[in-house]
Amino acid sequence: MIDLGKPCQIIDIREHHEVDAGNIPASVHIPMADVLGRLGELRQDIPVIVYCKSGSRAAAMVHILCVDKKMGNVLQLEGGIESWAKNVNPKLNVF
């Protein structure tokens, strides 16, 4: 989506100490524990992509947002930032 210039909102749900290792450019940091209290910050008009370190926390959050909160525009970054670092930006040291 980023490479194609398609609008999206990227949400990093990792803890503060994890974000210090690096993040995806233009992502918004909202720790997982805070997401439900900050739903108003999530866009409704474009895809919202949620990521964590490896994907498991993001999968749980996407399930909650899609099923419980009825948000149809939320996606998970499969493999999390580890996959991003491996496949998109190898200079990012998050391991």
N, C-alpha and C. Protein backbone atom coordinates (compact mmCIF):
# COMPACT_ATOMS: atom_id res chain seq x y z
N MET A 1 0.82 -1.20 0.00
CA MET A 1 0.00 0.00 0.00
C MET A 1 0.86 1.26 0.00
N ILE A 2 1.90 1.23 0.82
CA ILE A 2 2.78 2.39 0.90
C ILE A 2 3.47 2.62 -0.44
N ASP A 3 4.02 1.54 -1.01
CA ASP A 3 4.71 1.67 -2.29
C ASP A 3 3.78 2.12 -3.41
N LEU A 4 2.51 1.75 -3.32
CA LEU A 4 1.54 2.13 -4.35
C LEU A 4 0.92 3.50 -4.09
N GLY A 5 1.30 4.12 -2.99
CA GLY A 5 0.77 5.43 -2.66
C GLY A 5 -0.67 5.40 -2.19
N LYS A 6 -1.13 4.24 -1.74
CA LYS A 6 -2.50 4.14 -1.25
C LYS A 6 -2.54 4.59 0.21
N PRO A 7 -3.53 5.37 0.56
CA PRO A 7 -3.61 5.86 1.93
C PRO A 7 -3.90 4.72 2.91
N CYS A 8 -3.23 4.76 4.04
CA CYS A 8 -3.49 3.81 5.11
C CYS A 8 -2.95 4.42 6.40
N GLN A 9 -3.43 3.88 7.51
CA GLN A 9 -2.94 4.29 8.81
C GLN A 9 -2.25 3.08 9.42
N ILE A 10 -1.01 3.26 9.87
CA ILE A 10 -0.24 2.16 10.42
C ILE A 10 -0.12 2.37 11.93
N ILE A 11 -0.56 1.37 12.68
CA ILE A 11 -0.58 1.45 14.14
C ILE A 11 0.40 0.43 14.73
N ASP A 12 1.35 0.92 15.50
CA ASP A 12 2.34 0.09 16.19
C ASP A 12 1.82 -0.13 17.60
N ILE A 13 1.48 -1.39 17.94
CA ILE A 13 0.91 -1.67 19.26
C ILE A 13 1.94 -2.24 20.24
N ARG A 14 3.22 -2.17 19.89
CA ARG A 14 4.25 -2.67 20.79
C ARG A 14 4.40 -1.76 22.01
N GLU A 15 5.12 -2.26 23.00
CA GLU A 15 5.40 -1.48 24.20
C GLU A 15 6.46 -0.41 23.88
N HIS A 16 6.54 0.59 24.76
CA HIS A 16 7.47 1.70 24.54
C HIS A 16 8.90 1.22 24.32
N HIS A 17 9.37 0.28 25.13
CA HIS A 17 10.76 -0.17 25.02
C HIS A 17 11.01 -0.91 23.70
N GLU A 18 9.98 -1.49 23.11
CA GLU A 18 10.14 -2.17 21.82
C GLU A 18 10.26 -1.17 20.68
N VAL A 19 9.56 -0.07 20.78
CA VAL A 19 9.57 0.95 19.74
C VAL A 19 10.95 1.60 19.64
N ASP A 20 11.68 1.63 20.76
CA ASP A 20 13.02 2.22 20.76
C ASP A 20 13.96 1.52 19.79
N ALA A 21 13.70 0.24 19.48
CA ALA A 21 14.54 -0.52 18.56
C ALA A 21 14.31 -0.11 17.11
N GLY A 22 13.22 0.57 16.84
CA GLY A 22 12.91 1.01 15.48
C GLY A 22 11.45 0.77 15.17
N ASN A 23 10.97 1.45 14.14
CA ASN A 23 9.56 1.31 13.76
C ASN A 23 9.40 1.55 12.26
N ILE A 24 8.18 1.35 11.81
CA ILE A 24 7.85 1.60 10.41
C ILE A 24 7.59 3.09 10.26
N PRO A 25 8.21 3.73 9.27
CA PRO A 25 8.00 5.16 9.08
C PRO A 25 6.52 5.51 8.99
N ALA A 26 6.15 6.61 9.59
CA ALA A 26 4.80 7.16 9.59
C ALA A 26 3.81 6.35 10.42
N SER A 27 4.31 5.37 11.18
CA SER A 27 3.38 4.63 12.04
C SER A 27 3.07 5.45 13.29
N VAL A 28 1.92 5.16 13.86
CA VAL A 28 1.46 5.81 15.09
C VAL A 28 1.61 4.79 16.21
N HIS A 29 2.27 5.17 17.28
CA HIS A 29 2.46 4.25 18.40
C HIS A 29 1.29 4.37 19.38
N ILE A 30 0.54 3.29 19.51
CA ILE A 30 -0.52 3.18 20.51
C ILE A 30 -0.32 1.81 21.16
N PRO A 31 0.24 1.74 22.37
CA PRO A 31 0.45 0.45 23.00
C PRO A 31 -0.84 -0.37 23.05
N MET A 32 -0.70 -1.67 22.93
CA MET A 32 -1.87 -2.56 22.86
C MET A 32 -2.87 -2.29 24.00
N ALA A 33 -2.37 -2.08 25.20
CA ALA A 33 -3.25 -1.86 26.34
C ALA A 33 -4.06 -0.57 26.21
N ASP A 34 -3.63 0.34 25.34
CA ASP A 34 -4.30 1.64 25.21
C ASP A 34 -5.23 1.74 24.00
N VAL A 35 -5.17 0.77 23.10
CA VAL A 35 -5.90 0.88 21.83
C VAL A 35 -7.40 1.07 22.05
N LEU A 36 -8.02 0.28 22.87
CA LEU A 36 -9.48 0.38 23.03
C LEU A 36 -9.89 1.72 23.65
N GLY A 37 -9.04 2.30 24.45
CA GLY A 37 -9.32 3.60 25.03
C GLY A 37 -9.05 4.75 24.07
N ARG A 38 -8.42 4.44 22.94
CA ARG A 38 -8.06 5.48 21.97
C ARG A 38 -8.65 5.19 20.59
N LEU A 39 -9.80 4.51 20.57
CA LEU A 39 -10.44 4.15 19.30
C LEU A 39 -10.70 5.35 18.41
N GLY A 40 -10.93 6.49 19.00
CA GLY A 40 -11.19 7.70 18.22
C GLY A 40 -10.02 8.12 17.35
N GLU A 41 -8.83 7.62 17.63
CA GLU A 41 -7.65 7.95 16.84
C GLU A 41 -7.51 7.05 15.61
N LEU A 42 -8.28 5.96 15.57
CA LEU A 42 -8.20 5.04 14.43
C LEU A 42 -9.11 5.54 13.32
N ARG A 43 -8.54 5.59 12.13
CA ARG A 43 -9.29 6.09 10.97
C ARG A 43 -10.38 5.11 10.59
N GLN A 44 -11.47 5.62 10.10
CA GLN A 44 -12.59 4.80 9.63
C GLN A 44 -12.66 4.78 8.10
N ASP A 45 -11.98 5.73 7.47
CA ASP A 45 -12.13 5.94 6.03
C ASP A 45 -11.04 5.32 5.17
N ILE A 46 -10.00 4.79 5.80
CA ILE A 46 -8.90 4.15 5.07
C ILE A 46 -8.50 2.88 5.83
N PRO A 47 -7.76 1.98 5.18
CA PRO A 47 -7.31 0.79 5.90
C PRO A 47 -6.41 1.15 7.09
N VAL A 48 -6.61 0.45 8.18
CA VAL A 48 -5.78 0.59 9.38
C VAL A 48 -4.98 -0.70 9.50
N ILE A 49 -3.67 -0.58 9.48
CA ILE A 49 -2.80 -1.75 9.55
C ILE A 49 -2.14 -1.77 10.93
N VAL A 50 -2.34 -2.87 11.64
CA VAL A 50 -1.85 -3.02 13.00
C VAL A 50 -0.64 -3.95 12.99
N TYR A 51 0.41 -3.57 13.73
CA TYR A 51 1.55 -4.47 13.83
C TYR A 51 2.15 -4.48 15.23
N CYS A 52 2.84 -5.58 15.51
CA CYS A 52 3.58 -5.76 16.75
C CYS A 52 4.95 -6.31 16.37
N LYS A 53 5.57 -7.07 17.24
CA LYS A 53 6.90 -7.61 16.93
C LYS A 53 6.82 -8.75 15.92
N SER A 54 5.99 -9.76 16.23
CA SER A 54 5.96 -10.95 15.36
C SER A 54 4.60 -11.21 14.73
N GLY A 55 3.57 -10.55 15.20
CA GLY A 55 2.25 -10.70 14.62
C GLY A 55 1.19 -11.25 15.53
N SER A 56 1.56 -11.89 16.63
CA SER A 56 0.55 -12.53 17.48
C SER A 56 -0.31 -11.51 18.23
N ARG A 57 0.28 -10.49 18.80
CA ARG A 57 -0.52 -9.46 19.49
C ARG A 57 -1.38 -8.69 18.50
N ALA A 58 -0.83 -8.41 17.32
CA ALA A 58 -1.60 -7.70 16.30
C ALA A 58 -2.79 -8.53 15.86
N ALA A 59 -2.61 -9.84 15.71
CA ALA A 59 -3.72 -10.71 15.32
C ALA A 59 -4.84 -10.65 16.35
N ALA A 60 -4.48 -10.67 17.62
CA ALA A 60 -5.49 -10.58 18.69
C ALA A 60 -6.20 -9.23 18.65
N MET A 61 -5.45 -8.16 18.44
CA MET A 61 -6.05 -6.83 18.40
C MET A 61 -6.95 -6.66 17.19
N VAL A 62 -6.53 -7.16 16.05
CA VAL A 62 -7.35 -7.08 14.84
C VAL A 62 -8.65 -7.84 15.05
N HIS A 63 -8.59 -8.98 15.69
CA HIS A 63 -9.80 -9.75 15.99
C HIS A 63 -10.76 -8.93 16.85
N ILE A 64 -10.25 -8.32 17.88
CA ILE A 64 -11.08 -7.50 18.77
C ILE A 64 -11.69 -6.34 18.00
N LEU A 65 -10.89 -5.65 17.21
CA LEU A 65 -11.39 -4.48 16.48
C LEU A 65 -12.41 -4.87 15.41
N CYS A 66 -12.17 -5.96 14.73
CA CYS A 66 -13.08 -6.38 13.66
C CYS A 66 -14.35 -7.03 14.20
N VAL A 67 -14.21 -7.91 15.17
CA VAL A 67 -15.36 -8.67 15.67
C VAL A 67 -16.13 -7.88 16.74
N ASP A 68 -15.44 -7.46 17.78
CA ASP A 68 -16.11 -6.79 18.89
C ASP A 68 -16.50 -5.34 18.57
N LYS A 69 -15.62 -4.64 17.88
CA LYS A 69 -15.86 -3.21 17.60
C LYS A 69 -16.42 -2.98 16.20
N LYS A 70 -16.60 -4.04 15.43
CA LYS A 70 -17.24 -3.99 14.10
C LYS A 70 -16.53 -3.05 13.13
N MET A 71 -15.20 -3.01 13.23
CA MET A 71 -14.42 -2.20 12.29
C MET A 71 -14.03 -3.09 11.11
N GLY A 72 -14.47 -2.74 9.93
CA GLY A 72 -14.21 -3.56 8.76
C GLY A 72 -12.98 -3.16 7.98
N ASN A 73 -12.24 -2.18 8.46
CA ASN A 73 -11.09 -1.66 7.70
C ASN A 73 -9.75 -1.96 8.37
N VAL A 74 -9.72 -2.91 9.30
CA VAL A 74 -8.51 -3.18 10.06
C VAL A 74 -7.83 -4.45 9.55
N LEU A 75 -6.52 -4.35 9.33
CA LEU A 75 -5.71 -5.45 8.84
C LEU A 75 -4.50 -5.65 9.74
N GLN A 76 -3.91 -6.83 9.66
CA GLN A 76 -2.70 -7.14 10.41
C GLN A 76 -1.51 -7.17 9.46
N LEU A 77 -0.39 -6.63 9.91
CA LEU A 77 0.85 -6.78 9.17
C LEU A 77 1.39 -8.16 9.53
N GLU A 78 1.24 -9.09 8.63
CA GLU A 78 1.63 -10.48 8.89
C GLU A 78 3.13 -10.57 9.18
N GLY A 79 3.45 -11.21 10.28
CA GLY A 79 4.85 -11.36 10.68
C GLY A 79 5.41 -10.19 11.46
N GLY A 80 4.62 -9.14 11.62
CA GLY A 80 5.03 -7.99 12.42
C GLY A 80 6.25 -7.26 11.88
N ILE A 81 6.84 -6.48 12.77
CA ILE A 81 8.00 -5.68 12.36
C ILE A 81 9.21 -6.56 12.05
N GLU A 82 9.23 -7.77 12.61
CA GLU A 82 10.32 -8.69 12.26
C GLU A 82 10.28 -9.02 10.77
N SER A 83 9.10 -9.26 10.25
CA SER A 83 8.94 -9.54 8.83
C SER A 83 9.27 -8.29 8.00
N TRP A 84 8.82 -7.14 8.46
CA TRP A 84 9.11 -5.87 7.78
C TRP A 84 10.63 -5.67 7.69
N ALA A 85 11.32 -5.89 8.80
CA ALA A 85 12.77 -5.71 8.83
C ALA A 85 13.46 -6.70 7.89
N LYS A 86 12.98 -7.90 7.84
CA LYS A 86 13.59 -8.93 7.00
C LYS A 86 13.33 -8.67 5.51
N ASN A 87 12.10 -8.29 5.17
CA ASN A 87 11.69 -8.20 3.77
C ASN A 87 11.68 -6.81 3.16
N VAL A 88 11.58 -5.78 3.98
CA VAL A 88 11.45 -4.43 3.45
C VAL A 88 12.64 -3.55 3.82
N ASN A 89 13.04 -3.59 5.08
CA ASN A 89 14.11 -2.71 5.54
C ASN A 89 15.12 -3.49 6.38
N PRO A 90 16.04 -4.19 5.75
CA PRO A 90 17.02 -4.99 6.48
C PRO A 90 17.93 -4.19 7.41
N LYS A 91 17.99 -2.88 7.22
CA LYS A 91 18.82 -2.04 8.10
C LYS A 91 18.19 -1.85 9.47
N LEU A 92 16.91 -2.16 9.59
CA LEU A 92 16.19 -2.02 10.84
C LEU A 92 16.55 -3.21 11.73
N ASN A 93 17.15 -2.93 12.88
CA ASN A 93 17.60 -4.00 13.78
C ASN A 93 16.61 -4.17 14.92
N VAL A 94 15.63 -5.02 14.73
CA VAL A 94 14.60 -5.23 15.75
C VAL A 94 14.65 -6.63 16.34
N PHE A 95 15.67 -7.38 16.06
CA PHE A 95 15.73 -8.76 16.52
C PHE A 95 16.40 -8.88 17.86
